[in-house]
Structures are given as C-alpha cells and as structure tokens.
Amino acid sequence: MALCLRPHHRAGRLIVLVHHLRVLPLLVRMHVRSKMEYRGAFWLDRLAQILSYGSVFATIGILLARFDTLGGWSWPELALLFSFQLLAYSLGAAMSFVQLRELEELVRLGTYDTLLVKPFSPWAYLVFSGLNIGYAGHVILAVALMAWAVLSVDFTWSVLSASFFIAALISATLLTGALITMIGATALIWVRSNHLFSIFFGFWELTRYPLNIFPGGIQTILITAVPLALSSSVPVGALLGKPIPILGDWAGPASLVAGPIWVLISIAYWRYATGKYQGAGG
C-alpha cells in the first residue's frame, strides 16, 4: 500500500512546489508596487545612494593620486574591484538584508509565528514579500563603474575569463545572501541578532580594498570566519593574476565554490535555528 501511495505523494509535493513558484512573482509584484507608490522620493533616495558610494570611490581615487597604486593595484583595477564588490553585495542583500534584519522584531513580538502556519516556506515568504528594490542605486553605480573598468583595465579578456568573471559574481552574490541569512536566522535562537550585522558590515567595508594590504590575521578572518574577501578581492585578484595571500593558486576555484558551499551551510543553519525556535510563548 505504501508503495502505491508514493507516486501520489510525490505528485502532491510537485503540485505544492508549482503553486509556491507561482505565488512568488505575485509577492514580489505587490511589494514593488507599494515601494513605487511615491516614485519621486524613491528615485531621490537612489540618487543619494549613488552619491554616497560615489564619494567612497572618490576617496580611493584621492589615495591613488598620492601613492599611484594601492597594494599593487592600479586605478582601473581598483574600480573593477569596487564595482564587483558593490554589485555582488547589492544583488545578495536585495534578497536578504532588510528581510532578515526585520526577523529579530518578528521574533521579539511573536508575529513570526504567523508565518509558520502559512502553507509556505517562512524564508521564501520573508525574502520575496520584501524584495528590496531600494538597491537599484547601488546596482546602477556598480554596473556603470564596472563597464568603464572592464574597458580600461590592462587585461586581455577572453571567453574563459569572462565566464569566470560572471560565475564568480554569481558565487559572490550567493555568499552574501547566505551570510546575511545566517545572521538573521540567529534571532530564532537568541531573539537578538541585529548587532551581528554591525560586525558583518565592519568587515564588508574592508573588502573594497586589496586583501594583501591587511595584516595576516585580518586576511585569515576575511577568508575563513567572515569570508567576505571571497566575494571581492579574491575573485577579482585571481582574474587579474594578482598574488592572493593564503589561497595562492586556489583563489580562483575557491571563489567559484564559496557561494554554493555557504548556501548549503546557511540552509543547514536555518533548519537548525528553526528547530531551536520556541515561539512567542517561550
């Protein structure tokens, strides 16, 4: 009898999965409409973002104007690094940061319990019902700067190098989303987790610079415990043939597998945190 029911059970799960996939675009569409209700204010905020990150890059330019290179990286190479880091973060954070940052408040107030009774994955509902299009300013600046850097950097592009660049960018995006998901999921265990984002961004700001300018201890942290270097200077450095501390010739492969590996780790951690969650009643 059990053997006879298995095909029906699998078909039922497939129907549920298809239903969920149909609902996700609707959640995104509803959220986007709500955010675009005041379009003037929305695009003004995006302009402010562009100016803010543009000033950060201008600061790097001032350093290079004085020292010519930074850790052996030229101006176009640093532009490629900066744009890569910003674009990977923007794409990954759009799918995770605001949504997972708000998880602490949902847990504290007990409203997270309402997500558990929905016929839907709580993580998927959080992510897609709050997809942050506010990162449009980051993306616009990153893409424009990246286009200039790709044309200006002293590097001969090929199909292989371009494929590596795109794959590394996808991996960096996945890595960013995975780390943010794990930080947010900690609220299911400790209730409080947003203070960890301050640590995350403290290290993230370092990764817009070449890894080799930092002391050995910082280099190790940025590759292992807080592996954000794998979403910026490691893949870009491997592409440009720069020497990568600690990883050496393994820098390229490590950049490509980091994202998928940390996604699997974040899935396992989310399930662990969900198992530890005790609900609003404690």
C-alpha atoms as a PDB file:
ATOM      1  CA  MET A   1       0.000   0.000   0.000  1.00  0.00           C
ATOM      2  CA  ALA A   2       2.828   2.394   0.899  1.00  0.00           C
ATOM      3  CA  LEU A   3       4.461   1.739  -2.451  1.00  0.00           C
ATOM      4  CA  CYS A   4       1.225   2.572  -4.224  1.00  0.00           C
ATOM      5  CA  LEU A   5       0.900   5.878  -2.405  1.00  0.00           C
ATOM      6  CA  ARG A   6       4.398   7.130  -3.132  1.00  0.00           C
ATOM      7  CA  PRO A   7       3.720   8.354  -6.693  1.00  0.00           C
ATOM      8  CA  HIS A   8       0.645  10.239  -5.445  1.00  0.00           C
ATOM      9  CA  HIS A   9       2.663  11.707  -2.592  1.00  0.00           C
ATOM     10  CA  ARG A  10       5.364  12.898  -4.983  1.00  0.00           C
ATOM     11  CA  ALA A  11       2.775  14.356  -7.328  1.00  0.00           C
ATOM     12  CA  GLY A  12       1.217  16.221  -4.409  1.00  0.00           C
ATOM     13  CA  ARG A  13       4.552  17.710  -3.411  1.00  0.00           C
ATOM     14  CA  LEU A  14       5.178  18.720  -7.020  1.00  0.00           C
ATOM     15  CA  ILE A  15       1.799  20.492  -7.171  1.00  0.00           C
ATOM     16  CA  VAL A  16       2.600  22.381  -3.951  1.00  0.00           C
ATOM     17  CA  LEU A  17       6.022  23.371  -5.329  1.00  0.00           C
ATOM     18  CA  VAL A  18       4.490  24.665  -8.569  1.00  0.00           C
ATOM     19  CA  HIS A  19       1.910  26.608  -6.552  1.00  0.00           C
ATOM     20  CA  HIS A  20       4.662  28.217  -4.479  1.00  0.00           C
ATOM     21  CA  LEU A  21       6.621  29.178  -7.593  1.00  0.00           C
ATOM     22  CA  ARG A  22       3.519  30.867  -8.997  1.00  0.00           C
ATOM     23  CA  VAL A  23       2.942  32.800  -5.780  1.00  0.00           C
ATOM     24  CA  LEU A  24       6.499  34.183  -5.546  1.00  0.00           C
ATOM     25  CA  PRO A  25       6.180  36.616  -8.500  1.00  0.00           C
ATOM     26  CA  LEU A  26       2.899  37.881  -7.029  1.00  0.00           C
ATOM     27  CA  LEU A  27       4.600  38.625  -3.706  1.00  0.00           C
ATOM     28  CA  VAL A  28       7.377  40.487  -5.491  1.00  0.00           C
ATOM     29  CA  ARG A  29       4.920  42.445  -7.640  1.00  0.00           C
ATOM     30  CA  MET A  30       2.867  43.548  -4.627  1.00  0.00           C
ATOM     31  CA  HIS A  31       5.969  44.706  -2.762  1.00  0.00           C
ATOM     32  CA  VAL A  32       7.364  46.592  -5.757  1.00  0.00           C
ATOM     33  CA  ARG A  33       4.048  48.401  -6.291  1.00  0.00           C
ATOM     34  CA  SER A  34       3.983  49.510  -2.661  1.00  0.00           C
ATOM     35  CA  LYS A  35       7.559  50.832  -2.865  1.00  0.00           C
ATOM     36  CA  MET A  36       6.944  52.663  -6.134  1.00  0.00           C
ATOM     37  CA  GLU A  37       3.871  54.452  -4.869  1.00  0.00           C
ATOM     38  CA  TYR A  38       5.950  57.619  -4.410  1.00  0.00           C
ATOM     39  CA  ARG A  39       8.319  57.386  -7.355  1.00  0.00           C
ATOM     40  CA  GLY A  40       9.890  60.803  -6.935  1.00  0.00           C
ATOM     41  CA  ALA A  41      11.003  60.052  -3.376  1.00  0.00           C
ATOM     42  CA  PHE A  42      12.156  56.579  -4.424  1.00  0.00           C
ATOM     43  CA  TRP A  43      14.491  57.834  -7.160  1.00  0.00           C
ATOM     44  CA  LEU A  44      15.715  60.695  -4.983  1.00  0.00           C
ATOM     45  CA  ASP A  45      16.818  58.122  -2.435  1.00  0.00           C
ATOM     46  CA  ARG A  46      18.581  56.170  -5.180  1.00  0.00           C
ATOM     47  CA  LEU A  47      20.430  59.310  -6.257  1.00  0.00           C
ATOM     48  CA  ALA A  48      21.548  59.804  -2.660  1.00  0.00           C
ATOM     49  CA  GLN A  49      22.877  56.222  -2.644  1.00  0.00           C
ATOM     50  CA  ILE A  50      24.827  56.809  -5.839  1.00  0.00           C
ATOM     51  CA  LEU A  51      26.376  59.990  -4.451  1.00  0.00           C
ATOM     52  CA  SER A  52      27.218  58.281  -1.164  1.00  0.00           C
ATOM     53  CA  TYR A  53      29.049  55.323  -2.711  1.00  0.00           C
ATOM     54  CA  GLY A  54      30.500  57.567  -5.391  1.00  0.00           C
ATOM     55  CA  SER A  55      32.154  59.614  -2.650  1.00  0.00           C
ATOM     56  CA  VAL A  56      33.650  56.419  -1.194  1.00  0.00           C
ATOM     57  CA  PHE A  57      35.208  55.575  -4.539  1.00  0.00           C
ATOM     58  CA  ALA A  58      36.409  59.175  -4.897  1.00  0.00           C
ATOM     59  CA  THR A  59      38.238  58.731  -1.591  1.00  0.00           C
ATOM     60  CA  ILE A  60      40.039  55.726  -3.040  1.00  0.00           C
ATOM     61  CA  GLY A  61      40.919  57.892  -6.038  1.00  0.00           C
ATOM     62  CA  ILE A  62      42.471  60.503  -3.763  1.00  0.00           C
ATOM     63  CA  LEU A  63      44.668  57.818  -2.186  1.00  0.00           C
ATOM     64  CA  LEU A  64      45.807  56.636  -5.605  1.00  0.00           C
ATOM     65  CA  ALA A  65      46.522  60.189  -6.736  1.00  0.00           C
ATOM     66  CA  ARG A  66      49.086  60.360  -3.944  1.00  0.00           C
ATOM     67  CA  PHE A  67      50.508  56.818  -3.974  1.00  0.00           C
ATOM     68  CA  ASP A  68      49.889  55.815  -7.646  1.00  0.00           C
ATOM     69  CA  THR A  69      48.972  52.227  -6.697  1.00  0.00           C
ATOM     70  CA  LEU A  70      47.425  50.522  -3.674  1.00  0.00           C
ATOM     71  CA  GLY A  71      48.855  47.129  -2.834  1.00  0.00           C
ATOM     72  CA  GLY A  72      49.993  46.803  -6.449  1.00  0.00           C
ATOM     73  CA  TRP A  73      46.513  47.587  -7.829  1.00  0.00           C
ATOM     74  CA  SER A  74      46.050  50.387 -10.345  1.00  0.00           C
ATOM     75  CA  TRP A  75      43.105  52.794 -10.598  1.00  0.00           C
ATOM     76  CA  PRO A  76      41.080  50.753 -13.178  1.00  0.00           C
ATOM     77  CA  GLU A  77      41.788  47.521 -11.256  1.00  0.00           C
ATOM     78  CA  LEU A  78      40.501  49.060  -8.032  1.00  0.00           C
ATOM     79  CA  ALA A  79      37.458  50.338  -9.922  1.00  0.00           C
ATOM     80  CA  LEU A  80      36.774  46.784 -11.072  1.00  0.00           C
ATOM     81  CA  LEU A  81      37.212  45.530  -7.500  1.00  0.00           C
ATOM     82  CA  PHE A  82      34.950  48.212  -6.035  1.00  0.00           C
ATOM     83  CA  SER A  83      32.189  47.685  -8.619  1.00  0.00           C
ATOM     84  CA  PHE A  84      32.381  43.894  -8.276  1.00  0.00           C
ATOM     85  CA  GLN A  85      32.087  44.098  -4.505  1.00  0.00           C
ATOM     86  CA  LEU A  86      29.218  46.586  -4.644  1.00  0.00           C
ATOM     87  CA  LEU A  87      27.242  44.692  -7.305  1.00  0.00           C
ATOM     88  CA  ALA A  88      27.615  41.300  -5.584  1.00  0.00           C
ATOM     89  CA  TYR A  89      26.538  42.808  -2.279  1.00  0.00           C
ATOM     90  CA  SER A  90      23.580  44.667  -3.824  1.00  0.00           C
ATOM     91  CA  LEU A  91      22.183  41.582  -5.545  1.00  0.00           C
ATOM     92  CA  GLY A  92      22.686  39.367  -2.496  1.00  0.00           C
ATOM     93  CA  ALA A  93      21.413  41.888   0.037  1.00  0.00           C
ATOM     94  CA  ALA A  94      18.331  42.721  -2.033  1.00  0.00           C
ATOM     95  CA  MET A  95      17.242  39.139  -1.437  1.00  0.00           C
ATOM     96  CA  SER A  96      18.115  39.030   2.238  1.00  0.00           C
ATOM     97  CA  PHE A  97      19.277  42.040   4.275  1.00  0.00           C
ATOM     98  CA  VAL A  98      16.172  44.079   5.142  1.00  0.00           C
ATOM     99  CA  GLN A  99      14.037  40.956   5.318  1.00  0.00           C
ATOM    100  CA  LEU A 100      16.361  39.103   7.694  1.00  0.00           C
ATOM    101  CA  ARG A 101      17.117  42.219   9.725  1.00  0.00           C
ATOM    102  CA  GLU A 102      13.393  42.529  10.442  1.00  0.00           C
ATOM    103  CA  LEU A 103      13.258  38.913  11.585  1.00  0.00           C
ATOM    104  CA  GLU A 104      14.515  39.944  15.034  1.00  0.00           C
ATOM    105  CA  GLU A 105      11.490  42.187  15.528  1.00  0.00           C
ATOM    106  CA  LEU A 106       9.129  39.492  14.237  1.00  0.00           C
ATOM    107  CA  VAL A 107      10.534  37.033  16.743  1.00  0.00           C
ATOM    108  CA  ARG A 108      10.519  39.538  19.614  1.00  0.00           C
ATOM    109  CA  LEU A 109       6.877  40.476  19.053  1.00  0.00           C
ATOM    110  CA  GLY A 110       5.781  36.908  18.344  1.00  0.00           C
ATOM    111  CA  THR A 111       4.491  37.731  14.864  1.00  0.00           C
ATOM    112  CA  TYR A 112       6.914  35.246  13.299  1.00  0.00           C
ATOM    113  CA  ASP A 113       4.537  32.523  14.490  1.00  0.00           C
ATOM    114  CA  THR A 114       2.013  33.661  11.885  1.00  0.00           C
ATOM    115  CA  LEU A 115       4.475  32.731   9.140  1.00  0.00           C
ATOM    116  CA  LEU A 116       4.786  29.218  10.488  1.00  0.00           C
ATOM    117  CA  VAL A 117       1.100  28.493   9.922  1.00  0.00           C
ATOM    118  CA  LYS A 118       1.157  29.700   6.320  1.00  0.00           C
ATOM    119  CA  PRO A 119       1.264  26.959   3.647  1.00  0.00           C
ATOM    120  CA  PHE A 120       4.560  28.434   2.537  1.00  0.00           C
ATOM    121  CA  SER A 121       8.230  28.406   3.474  1.00  0.00           C
ATOM    122  CA  PRO A 122       8.811  31.184   6.081  1.00  0.00           C
ATOM    123  CA  TRP A 123      12.173  32.002   4.500  1.00  0.00           C
ATOM    124  CA  ALA A 124      10.725  32.251   0.976  1.00  0.00           C
ATOM    125  CA  TYR A 125       7.830  34.381   2.203  1.00  0.00           C
ATOM    126  CA  LEU A 126      10.166  36.744   4.053  1.00  0.00           C
ATOM    127  CA  VAL A 127      12.549  37.116   1.120  1.00  0.00           C
ATOM    128  CA  PHE A 128      10.117  37.530  -1.755  1.00  0.00           C
ATOM    129  CA  SER A 129       7.459  39.553   0.045  1.00  0.00           C
ATOM    130  CA  GLY A 130      10.148  42.080   0.973  1.00  0.00           C
ATOM    131  CA  LEU A 131      12.420  42.027  -2.083  1.00  0.00           C
ATOM    132  CA  ASN A 132      14.391  45.251  -1.678  1.00  0.00           C
ATOM    133  CA  ILE A 133      14.372  47.217  -4.943  1.00  0.00           C
ATOM    134  CA  GLY A 134      15.956  50.037  -2.970  1.00  0.00           C
ATOM    135  CA  TYR A 135      19.348  48.668  -4.032  1.00  0.00           C
ATOM    136  CA  ALA A 136      18.706  49.989  -7.545  1.00  0.00           C
ATOM    137  CA  GLY A 137      21.054  52.900  -6.857  1.00  0.00           C
ATOM    138  CA  HIS A 138      23.853  50.531  -5.851  1.00  0.00           C
ATOM    139  CA  VAL A 139      23.314  48.447  -8.982  1.00  0.00           C
ATOM    140  CA  ILE A 140      23.257  51.448 -11.338  1.00  0.00           C
ATOM    141  CA  LEU A 141      26.526  52.815  -9.954  1.00  0.00           C
ATOM    142  CA  ALA A 142      28.192  49.382  -9.852  1.00  0.00           C
ATOM    143  CA  VAL A 143      27.240  48.461 -13.421  1.00  0.00           C
ATOM    144  CA  ALA A 144      28.319  51.842 -14.834  1.00  0.00           C
ATOM    145  CA  LEU A 145      31.646  51.756 -12.993  1.00  0.00           C
ATOM    146  CA  MET A 146      32.196  48.107 -13.926  1.00  0.00           C
ATOM    147  CA  ALA A 147      31.609  48.842 -17.623  1.00  0.00           C
ATOM    148  CA  TRP A 148      34.270  51.572 -17.501  1.00  0.00           C
ATOM    149  CA  ALA A 149      36.701  49.385 -15.541  1.00  0.00           C
ATOM    150  CA  VAL A 150      36.317  46.408 -17.878  1.00  0.00           C
ATOM    151  CA  LEU A 151      37.243  48.624 -20.833  1.00  0.00           C
ATOM    152  CA  SER A 152      40.054  50.436 -19.005  1.00  0.00           C
ATOM    153  CA  VAL A 153      41.837  47.691 -17.090  1.00  0.00           C
ATOM    154  CA  ASP A 154      45.090  46.374 -18.569  1.00  0.00           C
ATOM    155  CA  PHE A 155      43.787  42.887 -19.177  1.00  0.00           C
ATOM    156  CA  THR A 156      43.043  40.805 -22.271  1.00  0.00           C
ATOM    157  CA  TRP A 157      39.552  39.415 -21.969  1.00  0.00           C
ATOM    158  CA  SER A 158      38.570  36.035 -23.387  1.00  0.00           C
ATOM    159  CA  VAL A 159      35.524  33.794 -23.298  1.00  0.00           C
ATOM    160  CA  LEU A 160      37.110  31.835 -20.436  1.00  0.00           C
ATOM    161  CA  SER A 161      37.955  34.904 -18.339  1.00  0.00           C
ATOM    162  CA  ALA A 162      34.535  36.470 -18.968  1.00  0.00           C
ATOM    163  CA  SER A 163      32.841  33.205 -17.956  1.00  0.00           C
ATOM    164  CA  PHE A 164      34.923  33.078 -14.782  1.00  0.00           C
ATOM    165  CA  PHE A 165      34.029  36.686 -14.008  1.00  0.00           C
ATOM    166  CA  ILE A 166      30.281  36.048 -14.344  1.00  0.00           C
ATOM    167  CA  ALA A 167      30.431  32.769 -12.390  1.00  0.00           C
ATOM    168  CA  ALA A 168      32.463  34.424  -9.622  1.00  0.00           C
ATOM    169  CA  LEU A 169      29.936  37.271  -9.445  1.00  0.00           C
ATOM    170  CA  ILE A 170      27.083  34.776  -9.040  1.00  0.00           C
ATOM    171  CA  SER A 171      29.047  32.925  -6.362  1.00  0.00           C
ATOM    172  CA  ALA A 172      29.779  36.194  -4.534  1.00  0.00           C
ATOM    173  CA  THR A 173      26.081  37.095  -4.643  1.00  0.00           C
ATOM    174  CA  LEU A 174      25.140  33.719  -3.169  1.00  0.00           C
ATOM    175  CA  LEU A 175      27.807  34.067  -0.479  1.00  0.00           C
ATOM    176  CA  THR A 176      26.493  37.476   0.561  1.00  0.00           C
ATOM    177  CA  GLY A 177      22.909  36.248   0.796  1.00  0.00           C
ATOM    178  CA  ALA A 178      23.970  33.144   2.712  1.00  0.00           C
ATOM    179  CA  LEU A 179      25.931  35.064   5.354  1.00  0.00           C
ATOM    180  CA  ILE A 180      23.124  37.579   5.873  1.00  0.00           C
ATOM    181  CA  THR A 181      20.607  34.735   6.139  1.00  0.00           C
ATOM    182  CA  MET A 182      22.675  33.073   8.848  1.00  0.00           C
ATOM    183  CA  ILE A 183      22.943  36.308  10.824  1.00  0.00           C
ATOM    184  CA  GLY A 184      19.200  36.870  10.616  1.00  0.00           C
ATOM    185  CA  ALA A 185      18.412  33.249  11.484  1.00  0.00           C
ATOM    186  CA  THR A 186      20.313  33.654  14.750  1.00  0.00           C
ATOM    187  CA  ALA A 187      17.297  35.631  16.007  1.00  0.00           C
ATOM    188  CA  LEU A 188      15.361  32.352  16.053  1.00  0.00           C
ATOM    189  CA  ILE A 189      17.806  31.134  18.709  1.00  0.00           C
ATOM    190  CA  TRP A 190      18.863  34.251  20.643  1.00  0.00           C
ATOM    191  CA  VAL A 191      15.981  36.608  19.738  1.00  0.00           C
ATOM    192  CA  ARG A 192      18.573  39.372  19.324  1.00  0.00           C
ATOM    193  CA  SER A 193      20.818  39.166  16.255  1.00  0.00           C
ATOM    194  CA  ASN A 194      20.932  42.580  14.586  1.00  0.00           C
ATOM    195  CA  HIS A 195      24.080  43.565  16.463  1.00  0.00           C
ATOM    196  CA  LEU A 196      25.863  40.938  14.366  1.00  0.00           C
ATOM    197  CA  PHE A 197      25.158  42.979  11.248  1.00  0.00           C
ATOM    198  CA  SER A 198      27.445  45.702  12.598  1.00  0.00           C
ATOM    199  CA  ILE A 199      30.276  43.168  12.666  1.00  0.00           C
ATOM    200  CA  PHE A 200      29.348  41.994   9.168  1.00  0.00           C
ATOM    201  CA  PHE A 201      29.458  45.483   7.683  1.00  0.00           C
ATOM    202  CA  GLY A 202      32.633  46.342   9.538  1.00  0.00           C
ATOM    203  CA  PHE A 203      34.425  43.538   7.698  1.00  0.00           C
ATOM    204  CA  TRP A 204      32.495  44.178   4.461  1.00  0.00           C
ATOM    205  CA  GLU A 205      33.855  47.710   4.212  1.00  0.00           C
ATOM    206  CA  LEU A 206      37.387  46.289   4.292  1.00  0.00           C
ATOM    207  CA  THR A 207      36.742  44.114   1.247  1.00  0.00           C
ATOM    208  CA  ARG A 208      36.629  47.033  -1.189  1.00  0.00           C
ATOM    209  CA  TYR A 209      40.436  47.108  -0.843  1.00  0.00           C
ATOM    210  CA  PRO A 210      43.025  44.502  -1.927  1.00  0.00           C
ATOM    211  CA  LEU A 211      43.426  41.691   0.576  1.00  0.00           C
ATOM    212  CA  ASN A 212      47.219  41.920   0.642  1.00  0.00           C
ATOM    213  CA  ILE A 213      47.272  45.374   2.297  1.00  0.00           C
ATOM    214  CA  PHE A 214      45.938  43.937   5.576  1.00  0.00           C
ATOM    215  CA  PRO A 215      47.831  42.064   8.336  1.00  0.00           C
ATOM    216  CA  GLY A 216      47.864  38.281   8.201  1.00  0.00           C
ATOM    217  CA  GLY A 217      45.246  37.894  10.936  1.00  0.00           C
ATOM    218  CA  ILE A 218      42.714  40.058   9.094  1.00  0.00           C
ATOM    219  CA  GLN A 219      43.439  38.195   5.863  1.00  0.00           C
ATOM    220  CA  THR A 220      42.690  34.872   7.564  1.00  0.00           C
ATOM    221  CA  ILE A 221      39.416  36.149   9.026  1.00  0.00           C
ATOM    222  CA  LEU A 222      38.272  37.557   5.676  1.00  0.00           C
ATOM    223  CA  ILE A 223      38.851  34.174   4.020  1.00  0.00           C
ATOM    224  CA  THR A 224      37.560  31.853   6.750  1.00  0.00           C
ATOM    225  CA  ALA A 225      35.414  33.075   9.664  1.00  0.00           C
ATOM    226  CA  VAL A 226      33.916  36.044   7.772  1.00  0.00           C
ATOM    227  CA  PRO A 227      34.751  35.008   4.193  1.00  0.00           C
ATOM    228  CA  LEU A 228      33.785  38.279   2.515  1.00  0.00           C
ATOM    229  CA  ALA A 229      37.115  38.517   0.681  1.00  0.00           C
ATOM    230  CA  LEU A 230      35.817  35.623  -1.425  1.00  0.00           C
ATOM    231  CA  SER A 231      33.146  37.995  -2.708  1.00  0.00           C
ATOM    232  CA  SER A 232      35.548  40.747  -3.786  1.00  0.00           C
ATOM    233  CA  SER A 233      39.348  40.899  -3.904  1.00  0.00           C
ATOM    234  CA  VAL A 234      39.923  37.137  -4.134  1.00  0.00           C
ATOM    235  CA  PRO A 235      37.916  36.533  -7.353  1.00  0.00           C
ATOM    236  CA  VAL A 236      38.948  39.840  -8.953  1.00  0.00           C
ATOM    237  CA  GLY A 237      42.569  39.311  -7.953  1.00  0.00           C
ATOM    238  CA  ALA A 238      42.525  35.765  -9.317  1.00  0.00           C
ATOM    239  CA  LEU A 239      41.085  37.069 -12.588  1.00  0.00           C
ATOM    240  CA  LEU A 240      43.755  39.760 -12.950  1.00  0.00           C
ATOM    241  CA  GLY A 241      46.594  37.440 -11.936  1.00  0.00           C
ATOM    242  CA  LYS A 242      47.323  39.183  -8.647  1.00  0.00           C
ATOM    243  CA  PRO A 243      49.045  37.222  -5.853  1.00  0.00           C
ATOM    244  CA  ILE A 244      46.398  36.158  -3.328  1.00  0.00           C
ATOM    245  CA  PRO A 245      47.543  35.679   0.280  1.00  0.00           C
ATOM    246  CA  ILE A 246      46.947  32.253   1.866  1.00  0.00           C
ATOM    247  CA  LEU A 247      44.984  30.806  -1.089  1.00  0.00           C
ATOM    248  CA  GLY A 248      47.575  31.272  -3.829  1.00  0.00           C
ATOM    249  CA  ASP A 249      46.648  29.299  -6.971  1.00  0.00           C
ATOM    250  CA  TRP A 250      43.487  28.043  -5.261  1.00  0.00           C
ATOM    251  CA  ALA A 251      41.990  31.534  -5.213  1.00  0.00           C
ATOM    252  CA  GLY A 252      40.040  31.080  -8.459  1.00  0.00           C
ATOM    253  CA  PRO A 253      38.438  27.718  -7.616  1.00  0.00           C
ATOM    254  CA  ALA A 254      37.749  28.875  -4.053  1.00  0.00           C
ATOM    255  CA  SER A 255      35.890  31.913  -5.394  1.00  0.00           C
ATOM    256  CA  LEU A 256      33.636  29.746  -7.556  1.00  0.00           C
ATOM    257  CA  VAL A 257      32.700  27.184  -4.891  1.00  0.00           C
ATOM    258  CA  ALA A 258      32.410  29.581  -1.933  1.00  0.00           C
ATOM    259  CA  GLY A 259      28.886  30.733  -2.793  1.00  0.00           C
ATOM    260  CA  PRO A 260      27.295  27.289  -3.283  1.00  0.00           C
ATOM    261  CA  ILE A 261      29.061  25.879  -0.213  1.00  0.00           C
ATOM    262  CA  TRP A 262      27.909  28.706   2.054  1.00  0.00           C
ATOM    263  CA  VAL A 263      24.383  28.435   0.683  1.00  0.00           C
ATOM    264  CA  LEU A 264      24.321  24.802   1.814  1.00  0.00           C
ATOM    265  CA  ILE A 265      25.732  25.831   5.192  1.00  0.00           C
ATOM    266  CA  SER A 266      23.093  28.561   5.544  1.00  0.00           C
ATOM    267  CA  ILE A 267      20.302  26.100   4.684  1.00  0.00           C
ATOM    268  CA  ALA A 268      21.543  23.722   7.380  1.00  0.00           C
ATOM    269  CA  TYR A 269      21.848  26.600   9.865  1.00  0.00           C
ATOM    270  CA  TRP A 270      18.355  27.893   9.053  1.00  0.00           C
ATOM    271  CA  ARG A 271      16.917  24.443   9.737  1.00  0.00           C
ATOM    272  CA  TYR A 272      18.909  24.202  12.964  1.00  0.00           C
ATOM    273  CA  ALA A 273      17.739  27.649  14.098  1.00  0.00           C
ATOM    274  CA  THR A 274      14.143  26.830  13.183  1.00  0.00           C
ATOM    275  CA  GLY A 275      14.393  23.682  15.309  1.00  0.00           C
ATOM    276  CA  LYS A 276      15.602  25.776  18.250  1.00  0.00           C
ATOM    277  CA  TYR A 277      12.835  28.355  17.876  1.00  0.00           C
ATOM    278  CA  GLN A 278      10.439  28.138  20.839  1.00  0.00           C
ATOM    279  CA  GLY A 279       7.727  30.528  19.697  1.00  0.00           C
ATOM    280  CA  ALA A 280       6.321  33.606  21.330  1.00  0.00           C
ATOM    281  CA  GLY A 281       5.362  31.676  24.447  1.00  0.00           C
ATOM    282  CA  GLY A 282       8.956  30.609  25.108  1.00  0.00           C
END
